[in-house]
Every structure is written in structure tokens, then in C-alpha cells.
Amino acid sequence: MKKRYRLKKNQDFQLVFKGGFSVANRQFVVYQKKTQENDHFRVGLSVSKKVGNAVTRNRVKRLIREVIREVEPQMKKQQDYVIIARKPTAEMNFHEVRKSLLHVLKRGKIIKPAGGRSVK
């Protein structure tokens, strides 16, 4: 995921929180808001200190970015997303993070299987 497609400023996060809607499961909360500014989606990540120390938080963010990179072609464009990782993600491996995040993205109708192929 390229840096220009990331949400970095607090103001951008607040716009998504206030103007968007959310879907969640035990591990993740995903807020989404439609925008007209970009022809690509932007993603912001939030991993609280409650999840763990800096090493753990950065690991969780890397795992989330990798999942987003995989499903990038299937995601809706012209959207801003904020993905919040909850405490259980600290003990999860890549495959568990992927499965849980895909579950939430499908619930929020953010992604759909490409070409009839299901994403597991």
C-alpha cells in the first residue's frame, strides 16, 4: 500500500469517524466513508497501546497492510477506511488476521469476490 493512500492526519480520521459508518467483529472495527476527492481508496490504521508494546503494534499494522495489499483490486474506490485493531489481534498469526479482516470487510460490503472466485 503506497503512502499516498494512507490516512495520516487526525482531521482525516475524525471525518471518517463522524461521517461514516462501521462494521466490527471481535478483532477489528472498520469505519468507512465515501469521498469524491480520490480515484483510489485511502486507509488509516489505529492500533492502541492496549494491544501491546511498540513491536507488537507495528507487527499488527504490517499484517493488516499486507492483507489490504492482497485485496486491493477488490476494494471499493473513492472511499476512506479506518481499521482499528482490538486486543486479540496481538496473539494472531497472519492467516488468522487475514481471515478475520476479510470477514469484516465482507460484512461491510467493502470487498466482493473477484471473477466469481471466493476469497477465503
C-alpha atoms as a PDB file:
ATOM      1  CA  MET A   1       0.000   0.000   0.000  1.00  0.00           C
ATOM      2  CA  LYS A   2       1.550   3.271  -1.126  1.00  0.00           C
ATOM      3  CA  LYS A   3       1.993   6.034   1.413  1.00  0.00           C
ATOM      4  CA  ARG A   4      -0.196   8.461  -0.540  1.00  0.00           C
ATOM      5  CA  TYR A   5      -3.103   6.048   0.000  1.00  0.00           C
ATOM      6  CA  ARG A   6      -2.824   6.196   3.796  1.00  0.00           C
ATOM      7  CA  LEU A   7      -4.734   8.410   6.172  1.00  0.00           C
ATOM      8  CA  LYS A   8      -2.270  10.156   8.463  1.00  0.00           C
ATOM      9  CA  LYS A   9      -3.861  13.317   9.825  1.00  0.00           C
ATOM     10  CA  ASN A  10      -6.164  13.344  12.823  1.00  0.00           C
ATOM     11  CA  GLN A  11      -8.586  15.543  10.875  1.00  0.00           C
ATOM     12  CA  ASP A  12      -8.952  12.833   8.191  1.00  0.00           C
ATOM     13  CA  PHE A  13      -9.599  10.188  10.852  1.00  0.00           C
ATOM     14  CA  GLN A  14     -12.225  12.382  12.524  1.00  0.00           C
ATOM     15  CA  LEU A  15     -14.059  12.958   9.230  1.00  0.00           C
ATOM     16  CA  VAL A  16     -14.339   9.203   8.711  1.00  0.00           C
ATOM     17  CA  PHE A  17     -15.483   8.609  12.300  1.00  0.00           C
ATOM     18  CA  LYS A  18     -18.140  11.324  12.197  1.00  0.00           C
ATOM     19  CA  GLY A  19     -19.405  10.968   8.641  1.00  0.00           C
ATOM     20  CA  GLY A  20     -19.052   7.246   8.045  1.00  0.00           C
ATOM     21  CA  PHE A  21     -20.428   4.013   9.389  1.00  0.00           C
ATOM     22  CA  SER A  22     -18.757   0.990  10.929  1.00  0.00           C
ATOM     23  CA  VAL A  23     -18.745  -2.788  10.946  1.00  0.00           C
ATOM     24  CA  ALA A  24     -16.960  -4.908  13.505  1.00  0.00           C
ATOM     25  CA  ASN A  25     -16.092  -8.307  14.857  1.00  0.00           C
ATOM     26  CA  ARG A  26     -14.059  -9.337  17.908  1.00  0.00           C
ATOM     27  CA  GLN A  27     -10.714  -8.404  16.374  1.00  0.00           C
ATOM     28  CA  PHE A  28     -11.374  -5.399  14.102  1.00  0.00           C
ATOM     29  CA  VAL A  29     -13.582  -2.356  13.645  1.00  0.00           C
ATOM     30  CA  VAL A  30     -13.721  -0.840  10.156  1.00  0.00           C
ATOM     31  CA  TYR A  31     -15.127   2.637   9.566  1.00  0.00           C
ATOM     32  CA  GLN A  32     -15.831   3.711   6.008  1.00  0.00           C
ATOM     33  CA  LYS A  33     -16.856   6.969   4.381  1.00  0.00           C
ATOM     34  CA  LYS A  34     -17.441   7.814   0.736  1.00  0.00           C
ATOM     35  CA  THR A  35     -15.292  10.604  -0.699  1.00  0.00           C
ATOM     36  CA  GLN A  36     -15.165  12.379  -4.035  1.00  0.00           C
ATOM     37  CA  GLU A  37     -11.553  13.514  -3.799  1.00  0.00           C
ATOM     38  CA  ASN A  38      -9.552  10.473  -4.890  1.00  0.00           C
ATOM     39  CA  ASP A  39      -9.896   7.856  -7.589  1.00  0.00           C
ATOM     40  CA  HIS A  40      -8.368   5.379  -5.122  1.00  0.00           C
ATOM     41  CA  PHE A  41      -9.261   4.426  -1.590  1.00  0.00           C
ATOM     42  CA  ARG A  42      -7.277   5.567   1.465  1.00  0.00           C
ATOM     43  CA  VAL A  43      -6.713   3.530   4.624  1.00  0.00           C
ATOM     44  CA  GLY A  44      -5.861   4.627   8.147  1.00  0.00           C
ATOM     45  CA  LEU A  45      -4.731   2.166  10.810  1.00  0.00           C
ATOM     46  CA  SER A  46      -5.248   2.524  14.531  1.00  0.00           C
ATOM     47  CA  VAL A  47      -3.627   0.106  16.958  1.00  0.00           C
ATOM     48  CA  SER A  48      -3.966   1.135  20.604  1.00  0.00           C
ATOM     49  CA  LYS A  49      -1.360   0.720  23.333  1.00  0.00           C
ATOM     50  CA  LYS A  50      -3.810  -1.726  24.892  1.00  0.00           C
ATOM     51  CA  VAL A  51      -2.868  -4.187  22.121  1.00  0.00           C
ATOM     52  CA  GLY A  52       0.746  -4.369  23.251  1.00  0.00           C
ATOM     53  CA  ASN A  53       4.145  -2.736  23.118  1.00  0.00           C
ATOM     54  CA  ALA A  54       5.527  -0.922  20.057  1.00  0.00           C
ATOM     55  CA  VAL A  55       6.920  -4.097  18.480  1.00  0.00           C
ATOM     56  CA  THR A  56       3.544  -5.844  18.736  1.00  0.00           C
ATOM     57  CA  ARG A  57       1.608  -2.836  17.436  1.00  0.00           C
ATOM     58  CA  ASN A  58       3.912  -2.420  14.439  1.00  0.00           C
ATOM     59  CA  ARG A  59       3.668  -6.152  13.667  1.00  0.00           C
ATOM     60  CA  VAL A  60      -0.138  -5.948  13.690  1.00  0.00           C
ATOM     61  CA  LYS A  61      -0.026  -2.926  11.354  1.00  0.00           C
ATOM     62  CA  ARG A  62       2.294  -4.762   8.943  1.00  0.00           C
ATOM     63  CA  LEU A  63      -0.071  -7.750   8.873  1.00  0.00           C
ATOM     64  CA  ILE A  64      -3.084  -5.518   8.186  1.00  0.00           C
ATOM     65  CA  ARG A  65      -1.238  -3.671   5.393  1.00  0.00           C
ATOM     66  CA  GLU A  66      -0.329  -6.978   3.769  1.00  0.00           C
ATOM     67  CA  VAL A  67      -3.968  -8.144   3.785  1.00  0.00           C
ATOM     68  CA  ILE A  68      -5.086  -4.804   2.301  1.00  0.00           C
ATOM     69  CA  ARG A  69      -2.419  -5.107  -0.396  1.00  0.00           C
ATOM     70  CA  GLU A  70      -3.777  -8.568  -1.329  1.00  0.00           C
ATOM     71  CA  VAL A  71      -7.406  -7.462  -1.630  1.00  0.00           C
ATOM     72  CA  GLU A  72      -6.712  -4.008  -3.083  1.00  0.00           C
ATOM     73  CA  PRO A  73      -8.201  -4.777  -6.545  1.00  0.00           C
ATOM     74  CA  GLN A  74     -11.475  -5.916  -4.947  1.00  0.00           C
ATOM     75  CA  MET A  75     -11.959  -2.917  -2.644  1.00  0.00           C
ATOM     76  CA  LYS A  76     -14.341  -0.082  -3.435  1.00  0.00           C
ATOM     77  CA  LYS A  77     -12.682   3.054  -4.802  1.00  0.00           C
ATOM     78  CA  GLN A  78     -13.375   6.620  -3.654  1.00  0.00           C
ATOM     79  CA  GLN A  79     -13.652   5.554  -0.027  1.00  0.00           C
ATOM     80  CA  ASP A  80     -11.739   6.329   3.147  1.00  0.00           C
ATOM     81  CA  TYR A  81     -11.330   3.487   5.630  1.00  0.00           C
ATOM     82  CA  VAL A  82     -10.133   3.425   9.221  1.00  0.00           C
ATOM     83  CA  ILE A  83      -9.230  -0.008  10.552  1.00  0.00           C
ATOM     84  CA  ILE A  84      -8.996  -0.338  14.320  1.00  0.00           C
ATOM     85  CA  ALA A  85      -7.291  -3.426  15.734  1.00  0.00           C
ATOM     86  CA  ARG A  86      -8.601  -4.740  19.033  1.00  0.00           C
ATOM     87  CA  LYS A  87      -6.674  -6.548  21.755  1.00  0.00           C
ATOM     88  CA  PRO A  88      -6.986 -10.175  20.487  1.00  0.00           C
ATOM     89  CA  THR A  89      -5.005  -9.330  17.339  1.00  0.00           C
ATOM     90  CA  ALA A  90      -1.755  -9.292  19.333  1.00  0.00           C
ATOM     91  CA  GLU A  91      -1.705 -13.095  19.544  1.00  0.00           C
ATOM     92  CA  MET A  92      -2.877 -13.781  15.996  1.00  0.00           C
ATOM     93  CA  ASN A  93      -0.724 -15.001  13.118  1.00  0.00           C
ATOM     94  CA  PHE A  94      -1.037 -13.736   9.532  1.00  0.00           C
ATOM     95  CA  HIS A  95      -3.630 -16.291   8.436  1.00  0.00           C
ATOM     96  CA  GLU A  96      -5.881 -15.553  11.407  1.00  0.00           C
ATOM     97  CA  VAL A  97      -5.586 -11.788  10.844  1.00  0.00           C
ATOM     98  CA  ARG A  98      -6.366 -12.277   7.150  1.00  0.00           C
ATOM     99  CA  LYS A  99      -9.423 -14.433   7.821  1.00  0.00           C
ATOM    100  CA  SER A 100     -10.812 -12.067  10.454  1.00  0.00           C
ATOM    101  CA  LEU A 101     -10.189  -8.902   8.442  1.00  0.00           C
ATOM    102  CA  LEU A 102     -11.717 -10.412   5.292  1.00  0.00           C
ATOM    103  CA  HIS A 103     -14.762 -11.379   7.343  1.00  0.00           C
ATOM    104  CA  VAL A 104     -15.260  -7.790   8.483  1.00  0.00           C
ATOM    105  CA  LEU A 105     -14.625  -6.364   5.004  1.00  0.00           C
ATOM    106  CA  LYS A 106     -17.238  -8.702   3.513  1.00  0.00           C
ATOM    107  CA  ARG A 107     -19.756  -7.828   6.244  1.00  0.00           C
ATOM    108  CA  GLY A 108     -19.325  -4.166   5.408  1.00  0.00           C
ATOM    109  CA  LYS A 109     -19.653  -4.891   1.670  1.00  0.00           C
ATOM    110  CA  ILE A 110     -16.226  -3.318   1.165  1.00  0.00           C
ATOM    111  CA  ILE A 111     -14.936  -6.229  -0.907  1.00  0.00           C
ATOM    112  CA  LYS A 112     -16.582  -8.831  -3.039  1.00  0.00           C
ATOM    113  CA  PRO A 113     -15.062 -11.904  -4.676  1.00  0.00           C
ATOM    114  CA  ALA A 114     -13.415 -11.050  -7.971  1.00  0.00           C
ATOM    115  CA  GLY A 115     -14.485 -13.001 -11.037  1.00  0.00           C
ATOM    116  CA  GLY A 116     -16.603 -15.500  -9.134  1.00  0.00           C
ATOM    117  CA  ARG A 117     -13.578 -16.630  -7.160  1.00  0.00           C
ATOM    118  CA  SER A 118     -14.168 -16.675  -3.432  1.00  0.00           C
ATOM    119  CA  VAL A 119     -11.614 -15.156  -1.076  1.00  0.00           C
ATOM    120  CA  LYS A 120     -11.009 -17.396   1.924  1.00  0.00           C
END
